[in-house]
Amino acid sequence: MTALLKGRSHGVRGLAVRAILFRGSRDLIPLYALYALLFADHGLSTAQISLLLAMWSLTAFVLEVPSGAWADTVSRRAMLILAALLMCTGFTVWTVAPGFLGFAVGFVVWGIAGALESGTFEALVYDELTAAGASSAYPRIMGYARAAQESAVVLAILAAAPLYAWGGYPLVGWASVAVAGLHCLTALTLPSAPKAVSAADVEAFDDDAPPVPSLPGGVVAAGAPGIGGREPRVFTRYRSMLSAGIGESMRVRHVRNGVLLGALIYGVTAYDEYFALLAQTAGVSTAIVPLFVGVTVAGSLTGSLLAGRTEAMSGRTMAIALVIGGVLFIGGALAAGLAARHPAVVYPLAGAGFVAIGIAYGIVFNAEVVAEARLQDAIEGPARATVTSVSGLLSEVVALAVFGFVALATLWLSLSTTVALLGVVMLVIALVTPAWLPRRGGRR
């Protein structure tokens, strides 16, 4: 027994290491800091860049639910490997064909990769832990993986500046391709545990099915005897869960409010796609832009780390925090715009502006993490993933609205003024937060 427990402990640690490496290498991409500038410096307008971002978001929006169903019927490990390969392919296309068409193709491929990975990685980790009888370790491991993801973004941004100084966009591009290749290798190391469904779900979808053996935690392997030829029809299960999830999202008030609030808070953060352009238009040199963007990522990392301490905040407290964040964001964006008109003090003004934006970004990111956790508390039905995906889809709608707004507004307004107006949205979200944030632990 002792040997078995030690073996499980070793397996969980190994999974944690692989999960951290997978998520960390996914975002250790230097191009993240400069791709908006890459597009602009290859002749694309802000409207064209917004169109590219919308294509990326729309691809993920359309494929998110279908890819989730696919992940439940095929090897999740194989899907993650394919997603990593597509991601590498997308950055390769950007590097060898830097033009609107190449960027569009790269974004579509990247969007497909994101949809394939969305939810699949989490399911793979959970199933592997369940098979090892250690499902309680899931929150801790995913917390480490998310921290690695945010830290990787900071490192990638810091690396982008010297890479650009030494070899321009080509070196940044090929370095990103190389890291994406490393990400593919980390995907190959991931385990391939049997997909699992609850015994209760099996009975609900096939009342005549004979008893089936279960894994630790009351979970049965999808390929276990008794499910083989009698397993629930994929489409029947899919339609039932989709109906239950959408129904709970629409009809249960506290769940509906949580879905909407989470989608608004996360969706509006699509403004981060314009941070690099904002720094450049302020007069910051391209080689230094990644450092300014890094300030905002440091804000999101700090907000994530502090979520454990703010998880009990009330809706009123979150609203106040969002108001403070909105004011700082608006002031930061306007300060960056002011820097463009005062070349002698570009860096002090832009620096102060981006510090304010970074603090605001951290506040909003913290609020998003807390709101998502409250939504999970509020969900009571069997279709938890479907309810969460509804929020994800709505957040993509909000993101598309942000991209469309920027594309139109920049035809008449400066980028700094346009970005500042997005901060007003944060103030509006603050108004509904006290009523929409689900209470900690469940129903309002």
Protein backbone atom coordinates (compact mmCIF):
# COMPACT_ATOMS: atom_id res chain seq x y z
CA MET A 1 0.00 0.00 0.00
CA THR A 2 2.81 2.41 0.88
CA ALA A 3 4.50 1.69 -2.43
CA LEU A 4 1.22 2.34 -4.26
CA LEU A 5 0.73 5.70 -2.52
CA LYS A 6 4.31 6.70 -3.29
CA GLY A 7 3.78 5.74 -6.92
CA ARG A 8 0.63 7.85 -7.14
CA SER A 9 2.40 10.80 -5.51
CA HIS A 10 5.26 10.52 -7.99
CA GLY A 11 2.78 10.30 -10.87
CA VAL A 12 0.96 13.43 -9.72
CA ARG A 13 4.23 15.36 -9.41
CA GLY A 14 5.22 14.23 -12.88
CA LEU A 15 1.89 15.34 -14.29
CA ALA A 16 2.25 18.70 -12.55
CA VAL A 17 5.66 19.25 -14.13
CA ARG A 18 4.39 18.33 -17.59
CA ALA A 19 1.29 20.50 -17.22
CA ILE A 20 3.40 23.48 -16.14
CA LEU A 21 5.84 22.98 -19.03
CA PHE A 22 2.99 22.64 -21.52
CA ARG A 23 1.19 25.79 -20.43
CA GLY A 24 4.38 27.76 -19.91
CA SER A 25 5.85 26.93 -23.33
CA ARG A 26 2.51 27.79 -24.94
CA ASP A 27 2.91 31.46 -24.08
CA LEU A 28 6.70 31.81 -24.17
CA ILE A 29 6.32 33.44 -27.60
CA PRO A 30 8.30 36.66 -28.27
CA LEU A 31 5.92 37.59 -31.10
CA TYR A 32 3.18 38.20 -28.55
CA ALA A 33 4.83 41.49 -27.64
CA LEU A 34 5.30 42.72 -31.19
CA TYR A 35 2.80 41.20 -33.57
CA ALA A 36 0.58 44.30 -33.62
CA LEU A 37 3.66 46.33 -34.56
CA LEU A 38 4.66 43.64 -37.08
CA PHE A 39 1.33 44.19 -38.82
CA ALA A 40 1.55 47.98 -38.67
CA ASP A 41 5.12 48.06 -39.95
CA HIS A 42 4.06 45.93 -42.92
CA GLY A 43 1.55 48.57 -43.98
CA LEU A 44 -1.64 47.44 -42.24
CA SER A 45 -3.99 50.07 -40.84
CA THR A 46 -5.55 49.88 -37.39
CA ALA A 47 -8.82 48.86 -39.07
CA GLN A 48 -7.07 46.00 -40.91
CA ILE A 49 -5.38 44.88 -37.70
CA SER A 50 -8.76 44.89 -35.96
CA LEU A 51 -10.15 42.79 -38.82
CA LEU A 52 -7.36 40.25 -38.31
CA LEU A 53 -8.04 40.10 -34.58
CA ALA A 54 -11.75 39.67 -35.29
CA MET A 55 -10.99 36.77 -37.64
CA TRP A 56 -8.94 35.16 -34.88
CA SER A 57 -11.68 35.62 -32.31
CA LEU A 58 -14.43 34.52 -34.71
CA THR A 59 -12.56 31.31 -35.55
CA ALA A 60 -12.29 30.40 -31.89
CA PHE A 61 -15.93 31.39 -31.36
CA VAL A 62 -17.27 29.14 -34.11
CA LEU A 63 -15.14 26.12 -33.25
CA GLU A 64 -15.14 26.22 -29.42
CA VAL A 65 -18.20 24.00 -28.83
CA PRO A 66 -17.63 21.57 -31.75
CA SER A 67 -14.01 21.06 -30.69
CA GLY A 68 -15.18 20.40 -27.13
CA ALA A 69 -17.41 17.60 -28.40
CA TRP A 70 -14.52 16.25 -30.45
CA ALA A 71 -12.32 16.18 -27.37
CA ASP A 72 -14.86 13.93 -25.67
CA THR A 73 -14.76 11.37 -28.50
CA VAL A 74 -11.10 11.18 -29.55
CA SER A 75 -7.71 11.24 -27.86
CA ARG A 76 -7.30 14.50 -25.94
CA ARG A 77 -3.54 14.11 -26.06
CA ALA A 78 -3.69 13.84 -29.86
CA MET A 79 -5.81 17.00 -30.00
CA LEU A 80 -3.29 18.91 -27.91
CA ILE A 81 -0.43 17.73 -30.11
CA LEU A 82 -2.38 18.85 -33.20
CA ALA A 83 -3.12 22.21 -31.56
CA ALA A 84 0.57 22.73 -30.83
CA LEU A 85 1.51 21.84 -34.42
CA LEU A 86 -1.06 24.28 -35.80
CA MET A 87 0.21 27.01 -33.51
CA CYS A 88 3.75 26.43 -34.79
CA THR A 89 2.44 26.49 -38.36
CA GLY A 90 0.66 29.79 -37.83
CA PHE A 91 3.78 31.59 -36.61
CA THR A 92 5.78 30.07 -39.46
CA VAL A 93 3.32 31.52 -41.99
CA TRP A 94 3.61 34.95 -40.36
CA THR A 95 7.40 34.80 -40.61
CA VAL A 96 7.72 33.58 -44.22
CA ALA A 97 4.74 35.52 -45.65
CA PRO A 98 4.44 38.85 -43.76
CA GLY A 99 1.44 40.40 -45.48
CA PHE A 100 -2.29 40.72 -44.87
CA LEU A 101 -3.05 37.32 -46.43
CA GLY A 102 -0.26 35.58 -44.53
CA PHE A 103 -1.29 37.21 -41.28
CA ALA A 104 -4.92 36.23 -41.90
CA VAL A 105 -4.01 32.60 -42.58
CA GLY A 106 -1.81 32.53 -39.50
CA PHE A 107 -4.58 33.92 -37.31
CA VAL A 108 -7.15 31.42 -38.59
CA VAL A 109 -4.74 28.54 -37.96
CA TRP A 110 -3.94 29.94 -34.50
CA GLY A 111 -7.66 30.30 -33.81
CA ILE A 112 -8.23 26.65 -34.69
CA ALA A 113 -5.36 25.65 -32.40
CA GLY A 114 -6.84 27.67 -29.55
CA ALA A 115 -10.26 26.08 -30.01
CA LEU A 116 -8.75 22.59 -30.04
CA GLU A 117 -6.90 23.24 -26.80
CA SER A 118 -9.70 25.11 -25.01
CA GLY A 119 -11.09 22.78 -22.37
CA THR A 120 -9.17 19.79 -23.70
CA PHE A 121 -6.09 20.37 -21.58
CA GLU A 122 -8.15 20.79 -18.42
CA ALA A 123 -10.11 17.60 -19.16
CA LEU A 124 -6.93 15.62 -19.80
CA VAL A 125 -5.36 16.73 -16.52
CA TYR A 126 -8.55 16.02 -14.57
CA ASP A 127 -8.97 12.53 -16.08
CA GLU A 128 -5.35 11.63 -15.40
CA LEU A 129 -5.67 12.73 -11.78
CA THR A 130 -8.94 10.81 -11.43
CA ALA A 131 -7.30 7.65 -12.76
CA ALA A 132 -4.58 8.12 -10.14
CA GLY A 133 -7.12 8.74 -7.38
CA ALA A 134 -5.85 12.28 -6.86
CA SER A 135 -8.56 14.53 -8.34
CA SER A 136 -8.29 16.82 -5.30
CA ALA A 137 -4.91 18.00 -6.62
CA TYR A 138 -6.53 19.52 -9.73
CA PRO A 139 -6.98 23.12 -8.46
CA ARG A 140 -3.42 23.25 -7.16
CA ILE A 141 -1.87 21.93 -10.39
CA MET A 142 -3.96 24.18 -12.61
CA GLY A 143 -3.03 27.14 -10.42
CA TYR A 144 0.65 26.39 -10.96
CA ALA A 145 0.05 26.01 -14.70
CA ARG A 146 -1.72 29.36 -14.93
CA ALA A 147 1.05 31.08 -12.99
CA ALA A 148 3.57 29.54 -15.39
CA GLN A 149 1.53 30.84 -18.30
CA GLU A 150 1.52 34.42 -17.03
CA SER A 151 5.22 34.26 -16.10
CA ALA A 152 6.06 32.95 -19.57
CA VAL A 153 4.33 35.95 -21.13
CA VAL A 154 6.51 38.30 -19.08
CA LEU A 155 9.68 36.42 -20.06
CA ALA A 156 8.67 36.38 -23.72
CA ILE A 157 8.02 40.12 -23.71
CA LEU A 158 11.36 40.81 -22.07
CA ALA A 159 13.09 38.58 -24.63
CA ALA A 160 11.38 40.32 -27.55
CA ALA A 161 13.28 43.59 -27.06
CA PRO A 162 16.84 42.19 -27.49
CA LEU A 163 15.72 39.77 -30.21
CA TYR A 164 14.27 42.65 -32.22
CA ALA A 165 17.39 44.76 -31.62
CA TRP A 166 19.64 41.94 -32.90
CA GLY A 167 17.64 40.63 -35.84
CA GLY A 168 14.42 42.57 -36.32
CA TYR A 169 11.10 40.86 -36.96
CA PRO A 170 12.62 37.80 -38.71
CA LEU A 171 14.62 36.82 -35.61
CA VAL A 172 11.61 37.40 -33.35
CA GLY A 173 9.49 35.30 -35.70
CA TRP A 174 11.85 32.35 -35.97
CA ALA A 175 12.51 32.40 -32.23
CA SER A 176 8.73 32.16 -31.74
CA VAL A 177 8.55 29.25 -34.20
CA ALA A 178 11.32 27.49 -32.27
CA VAL A 179 9.49 27.92 -28.96
CA ALA A 180 6.27 26.70 -30.57
CA GLY A 181 8.22 23.64 -31.69
CA LEU A 182 9.30 23.10 -28.09
CA HIS A 183 5.64 23.38 -27.12
CA CYS A 184 4.91 20.54 -29.54
CA LEU A 185 7.52 18.40 -27.76
CA THR A 186 5.94 19.12 -24.38
CA ALA A 187 2.57 18.04 -25.82
CA LEU A 188 4.13 14.71 -26.75
CA THR A 189 5.06 14.13 -23.10
CA LEU A 190 1.48 14.53 -21.88
CA PRO A 191 -0.24 11.37 -20.63
CA SER A 192 -3.22 9.78 -22.31
CA ALA A 193 -5.51 8.70 -19.50
CA PRO A 194 -8.84 7.04 -20.37
CA LYS A 195 -11.58 9.59 -20.84
CA ALA A 196 -13.98 9.40 -17.93
CA VAL A 197 -17.68 9.94 -17.39
CA SER A 198 -19.62 9.67 -14.17
CA ALA A 199 -21.50 6.46 -13.49
CA ALA A 200 -24.60 8.58 -12.82
CA ASP A 201 -24.38 10.10 -16.27
CA VAL A 202 -24.10 6.66 -17.86
CA GLU A 203 -27.24 5.52 -16.08
CA ALA A 204 -29.06 8.72 -17.02
CA PHE A 205 -28.38 8.21 -20.71
CA ASP A 206 -28.76 4.45 -20.83
CA ASP A 207 -31.01 3.06 -18.10
CA ASP A 208 -30.64 -0.50 -19.39
CA ALA A 209 -26.85 -0.54 -19.27
CA PRO A 210 -25.35 -3.14 -16.91
CA PRO A 211 -23.20 -2.07 -13.96
CA VAL A 212 -19.72 -0.94 -14.96
CA PRO A 213 -16.45 -0.87 -13.04
CA SER A 214 -15.45 2.53 -11.77
CA LEU A 215 -12.20 4.37 -11.34
CA PRO A 216 -11.42 6.09 -8.04
CA GLY A 217 -13.91 8.88 -7.34
CA GLY A 218 -16.93 7.10 -8.84
CA VAL A 219 -15.78 7.55 -12.42
CA VAL A 220 -15.86 4.92 -15.13
CA ALA A 221 -13.50 4.61 -18.07
CA ALA A 222 -15.23 5.32 -21.35
CA GLY A 223 -13.95 2.06 -22.78
CA ALA A 224 -14.82 -0.12 -19.78
CA PRO A 225 -16.91 -3.29 -20.17
CA GLY A 226 -20.60 -2.50 -20.12
CA ILE A 227 -20.14 0.76 -22.00
CA GLY A 228 -18.54 -0.58 -25.19
CA GLY A 229 -21.49 -1.30 -27.45
CA ARG A 230 -24.02 0.16 -25.03
CA GLU A 231 -22.43 3.53 -24.34
CA PRO A 232 -24.65 6.60 -24.67
CA ARG A 233 -24.92 7.82 -28.22
CA VAL A 234 -22.52 10.73 -28.62
CA PHE A 235 -25.04 13.05 -30.19
CA THR A 236 -27.76 12.18 -27.68
CA ARG A 237 -25.41 12.97 -24.82
CA TYR A 238 -24.15 16.08 -26.56
CA ARG A 239 -27.65 17.47 -27.20
CA SER A 240 -28.79 16.67 -23.66
CA MET A 241 -25.81 18.36 -22.02
CA LEU A 242 -26.00 21.31 -24.39
CA SER A 243 -29.69 21.76 -23.59
CA ALA A 244 -29.10 21.46 -19.83
CA GLY A 245 -26.18 23.89 -19.86
CA ILE A 246 -27.87 26.52 -22.02
CA GLY A 247 -31.07 26.12 -20.03
CA GLU A 248 -29.31 26.71 -16.73
CA SER A 249 -27.40 29.65 -18.23
CA MET A 250 -30.64 31.31 -19.35
CA ARG A 251 -33.25 30.31 -16.77
CA VAL A 252 -31.40 30.27 -13.42
CA ARG A 253 -31.00 33.92 -12.46
CA HIS A 254 -27.80 33.77 -10.39
CA VAL A 255 -26.13 31.54 -12.99
CA ARG A 256 -27.27 33.77 -15.86
CA ASN A 257 -25.93 36.83 -14.06
CA GLY A 258 -22.61 35.09 -13.39
CA VAL A 259 -22.31 34.05 -17.03
CA LEU A 260 -22.97 37.59 -18.25
CA LEU A 261 -20.67 39.26 -15.72
CA GLY A 262 -17.79 36.88 -16.43
CA ALA A 263 -18.20 37.34 -20.19
CA LEU A 264 -18.21 41.14 -19.88
CA ILE A 265 -15.17 41.34 -17.61
CA TYR A 266 -13.08 38.89 -19.63
CA GLY A 267 -14.29 40.04 -23.05
CA VAL A 268 -13.44 43.70 -22.49
CA THR A 269 -9.81 42.74 -21.82
CA ALA A 270 -9.51 42.34 -25.59
CA TYR A 271 -8.20 45.90 -25.37
CA ASP A 272 -4.82 44.39 -24.44
CA GLU A 273 -4.28 43.64 -28.14
CA TYR A 274 -3.73 47.37 -28.66
CA PHE A 275 -1.22 48.01 -25.88
CA ALA A 276 1.81 47.67 -28.18
CA LEU A 277 0.26 50.02 -30.75
CA LEU A 278 -0.59 52.49 -28.00
CA ALA A 279 3.02 52.55 -26.85
CA GLN A 280 4.29 52.99 -30.39
CA THR A 281 1.88 55.84 -31.16
CA ALA A 282 3.00 57.50 -27.93
CA GLY A 283 6.50 57.70 -29.42
CA VAL A 284 8.18 54.75 -27.69
CA SER A 285 10.78 53.05 -29.87
CA THR A 286 9.90 49.59 -31.17
CA ALA A 287 12.76 47.97 -29.27
CA ILE A 288 11.41 49.37 -25.97
CA VAL A 289 7.71 48.70 -26.63
CA PRO A 290 7.88 45.13 -25.21
CA LEU A 291 9.03 46.52 -21.86
CA PHE A 292 5.96 48.78 -21.68
CA VAL A 293 3.68 45.89 -22.61
CA GLY A 294 5.50 43.85 -19.95
CA VAL A 295 4.29 46.31 -17.31
CA THR A 296 0.68 45.43 -18.18
CA VAL A 297 1.40 41.69 -18.08
CA ALA A 298 3.03 42.14 -14.69
CA GLY A 299 -0.26 43.69 -13.63
CA SER A 300 -2.26 40.67 -14.81
CA LEU A 301 0.17 38.31 -13.08
CA THR A 302 -0.16 40.23 -9.82
CA GLY A 303 -3.93 40.25 -10.12
CA SER A 304 -3.92 36.49 -10.63
CA LEU A 305 -1.69 35.86 -7.63
CA LEU A 306 -3.87 38.05 -5.41
CA ALA A 307 -7.11 36.31 -6.41
CA GLY A 308 -6.76 33.89 -3.51
CA ARG A 309 -6.86 36.82 -1.11
CA THR A 310 -9.75 38.62 -2.76
CA GLU A 311 -12.00 35.63 -3.50
CA ALA A 312 -14.39 36.58 -0.66
CA MET A 313 -14.97 40.15 -1.85
CA SER A 314 -18.57 41.36 -2.09
CA GLY A 315 -20.15 42.64 -5.28
CA ARG A 316 -19.95 46.17 -3.90
CA THR A 317 -16.22 45.84 -3.22
CA MET A 318 -15.61 44.47 -6.71
CA ALA A 319 -17.59 47.33 -8.20
CA ILE A 320 -15.47 49.88 -6.34
CA ALA A 321 -12.31 48.12 -7.53
CA LEU A 322 -13.56 48.19 -11.13
CA VAL A 323 -14.34 51.90 -10.86
CA ILE A 324 -10.79 52.55 -9.64
CA GLY A 325 -9.45 50.36 -12.43
CA GLY A 326 -11.56 52.14 -15.04
CA VAL A 327 -10.40 55.57 -13.93
CA LEU A 328 -6.75 54.48 -13.92
CA PHE A 329 -7.15 52.89 -17.35
CA ILE A 330 -8.71 56.00 -18.86
CA GLY A 331 -6.04 58.21 -17.31
CA GLY A 332 -3.25 55.91 -18.46
CA ALA A 333 -4.47 55.82 -22.05
CA LEU A 334 -4.84 59.60 -22.17
CA ALA A 335 -1.35 60.03 -20.67
CA ALA A 336 0.06 57.87 -23.48
CA GLY A 337 -1.76 60.06 -25.99
CA LEU A 338 -0.37 63.17 -24.32
CA ALA A 339 3.15 61.74 -24.62
CA ALA A 340 2.79 61.70 -28.41
CA ARG A 341 2.30 65.47 -28.37
CA HIS A 342 5.25 66.15 -26.06
CA PRO A 343 8.33 64.40 -27.52
CA ALA A 344 10.63 65.80 -24.84
CA VAL A 345 8.87 63.82 -22.09
CA VAL A 346 7.66 60.78 -24.04
CA TYR A 347 9.09 58.18 -21.71
CA PRO A 348 8.02 59.74 -18.38
CA LEU A 349 4.48 60.33 -19.62
CA ALA A 350 4.13 57.02 -21.43
CA GLY A 351 5.74 55.20 -18.50
CA ALA A 352 3.31 56.71 -16.01
CA GLY A 353 0.44 55.93 -18.36
CA PHE A 354 1.40 52.28 -18.72
CA VAL A 355 1.91 51.87 -14.98
CA ALA A 356 -1.66 53.12 -14.50
CA ILE A 357 -2.89 50.78 -17.24
CA GLY A 358 -0.97 47.89 -15.67
CA ILE A 359 -2.60 48.48 -12.27
CA ALA A 360 -6.02 48.71 -13.93
CA TYR A 361 -5.36 45.55 -15.90
CA GLY A 362 -4.42 43.74 -12.70
CA ILE A 363 -7.65 44.86 -11.02
CA VAL A 364 -9.79 43.68 -13.93
CA PHE A 365 -7.90 40.41 -14.20
CA ASN A 366 -8.37 39.78 -10.49
CA ALA A 367 -12.08 40.53 -10.81
CA GLU A 368 -12.35 38.11 -13.74
CA VAL A 369 -10.74 35.26 -11.79
CA VAL A 370 -13.03 35.86 -8.79
CA ALA A 371 -16.14 36.17 -10.99
CA GLU A 372 -15.32 32.91 -12.78
CA ALA A 373 -14.89 31.10 -9.45
CA ARG A 374 -18.24 32.48 -8.23
CA LEU A 375 -19.87 31.22 -11.43
CA GLN A 376 -18.52 27.75 -10.74
CA ASP A 377 -20.01 27.95 -7.24
CA ALA A 378 -23.38 28.96 -8.67
CA ILE A 379 -23.67 26.12 -11.20
CA GLU A 380 -25.74 23.26 -9.82
CA GLY A 381 -26.68 21.25 -12.93
CA PRO A 382 -24.73 18.43 -14.62
CA ALA A 383 -23.52 20.52 -17.58
CA ARG A 384 -20.84 22.58 -15.83
CA ALA A 385 -18.54 22.70 -18.86
CA THR A 386 -21.41 23.76 -21.13
CA VAL A 387 -22.40 26.62 -18.82
CA THR A 388 -18.77 27.74 -18.68
CA SER A 389 -18.52 27.53 -22.47
CA VAL A 390 -21.59 29.77 -22.83
CA SER A 391 -19.72 32.41 -20.85
CA GLY A 392 -16.67 31.81 -23.05
CA LEU A 393 -18.70 32.25 -26.23
CA LEU A 394 -20.27 35.45 -24.94
CA SER A 395 -16.83 36.78 -24.01
CA GLU A 396 -15.80 36.24 -27.64
CA VAL A 397 -18.83 38.29 -28.70
CA VAL A 398 -17.69 41.09 -26.39
CA ALA A 399 -14.15 40.82 -27.78
CA LEU A 400 -15.48 41.04 -31.34
CA ALA A 401 -17.42 44.15 -30.32
CA VAL A 402 -14.22 45.67 -28.92
CA PHE A 403 -12.33 44.97 -32.16
CA GLY A 404 -15.18 46.39 -34.25
CA PHE A 405 -15.41 49.49 -32.09
CA VAL A 406 -11.69 50.18 -32.36
CA ALA A 407 -11.73 49.62 -36.13
CA LEU A 408 -14.52 52.20 -36.55
CA ALA A 409 -13.54 54.68 -33.85
CA THR A 410 -9.95 55.03 -35.06
CA LEU A 411 -11.29 56.35 -38.38
CA TRP A 412 -12.09 59.57 -36.50
CA LEU A 413 -10.32 59.39 -33.14
CA SER A 414 -6.74 58.81 -32.03
CA LEU A 415 -5.86 55.37 -30.72
CA SER A 416 -5.27 56.71 -27.21
CA THR A 417 -8.73 58.31 -27.09
CA THR A 418 -10.31 55.14 -28.47
CA VAL A 419 -8.59 52.94 -25.89
CA ALA A 420 -9.59 55.40 -23.14
CA LEU A 421 -13.23 55.01 -24.19
CA LEU A 422 -12.92 51.27 -23.59
CA GLY A 423 -12.14 52.17 -19.99
CA VAL A 424 -15.62 53.68 -19.78
CA VAL A 425 -16.99 50.17 -20.41
CA MET A 426 -15.28 49.08 -17.19
CA LEU A 427 -17.22 51.76 -15.32
CA VAL A 428 -20.47 50.47 -16.83
CA ILE A 429 -19.60 46.91 -15.79
CA ALA A 430 -19.00 48.19 -12.26
CA LEU A 431 -22.61 49.43 -12.14
CA VAL A 432 -24.07 45.93 -12.67
CA THR A 433 -21.49 44.03 -10.61
CA PRO A 434 -23.23 44.27 -7.19
CA ALA A 435 -26.40 42.71 -8.63
CA TRP A 436 -24.74 40.19 -10.96
CA LEU A 437 -21.84 38.76 -8.95
CA PRO A 438 -23.01 35.40 -7.48
CA ARG A 439 -22.47 34.98 -3.76
CA ARG A 440 -19.54 32.93 -2.56
CA GLY A 441 -20.53 29.29 -2.14
CA GLY A 442 -23.64 29.23 -4.31
CA ARG A 443 -27.04 30.85 -4.63
CA ARG A 444 -27.65 34.54 -3.92
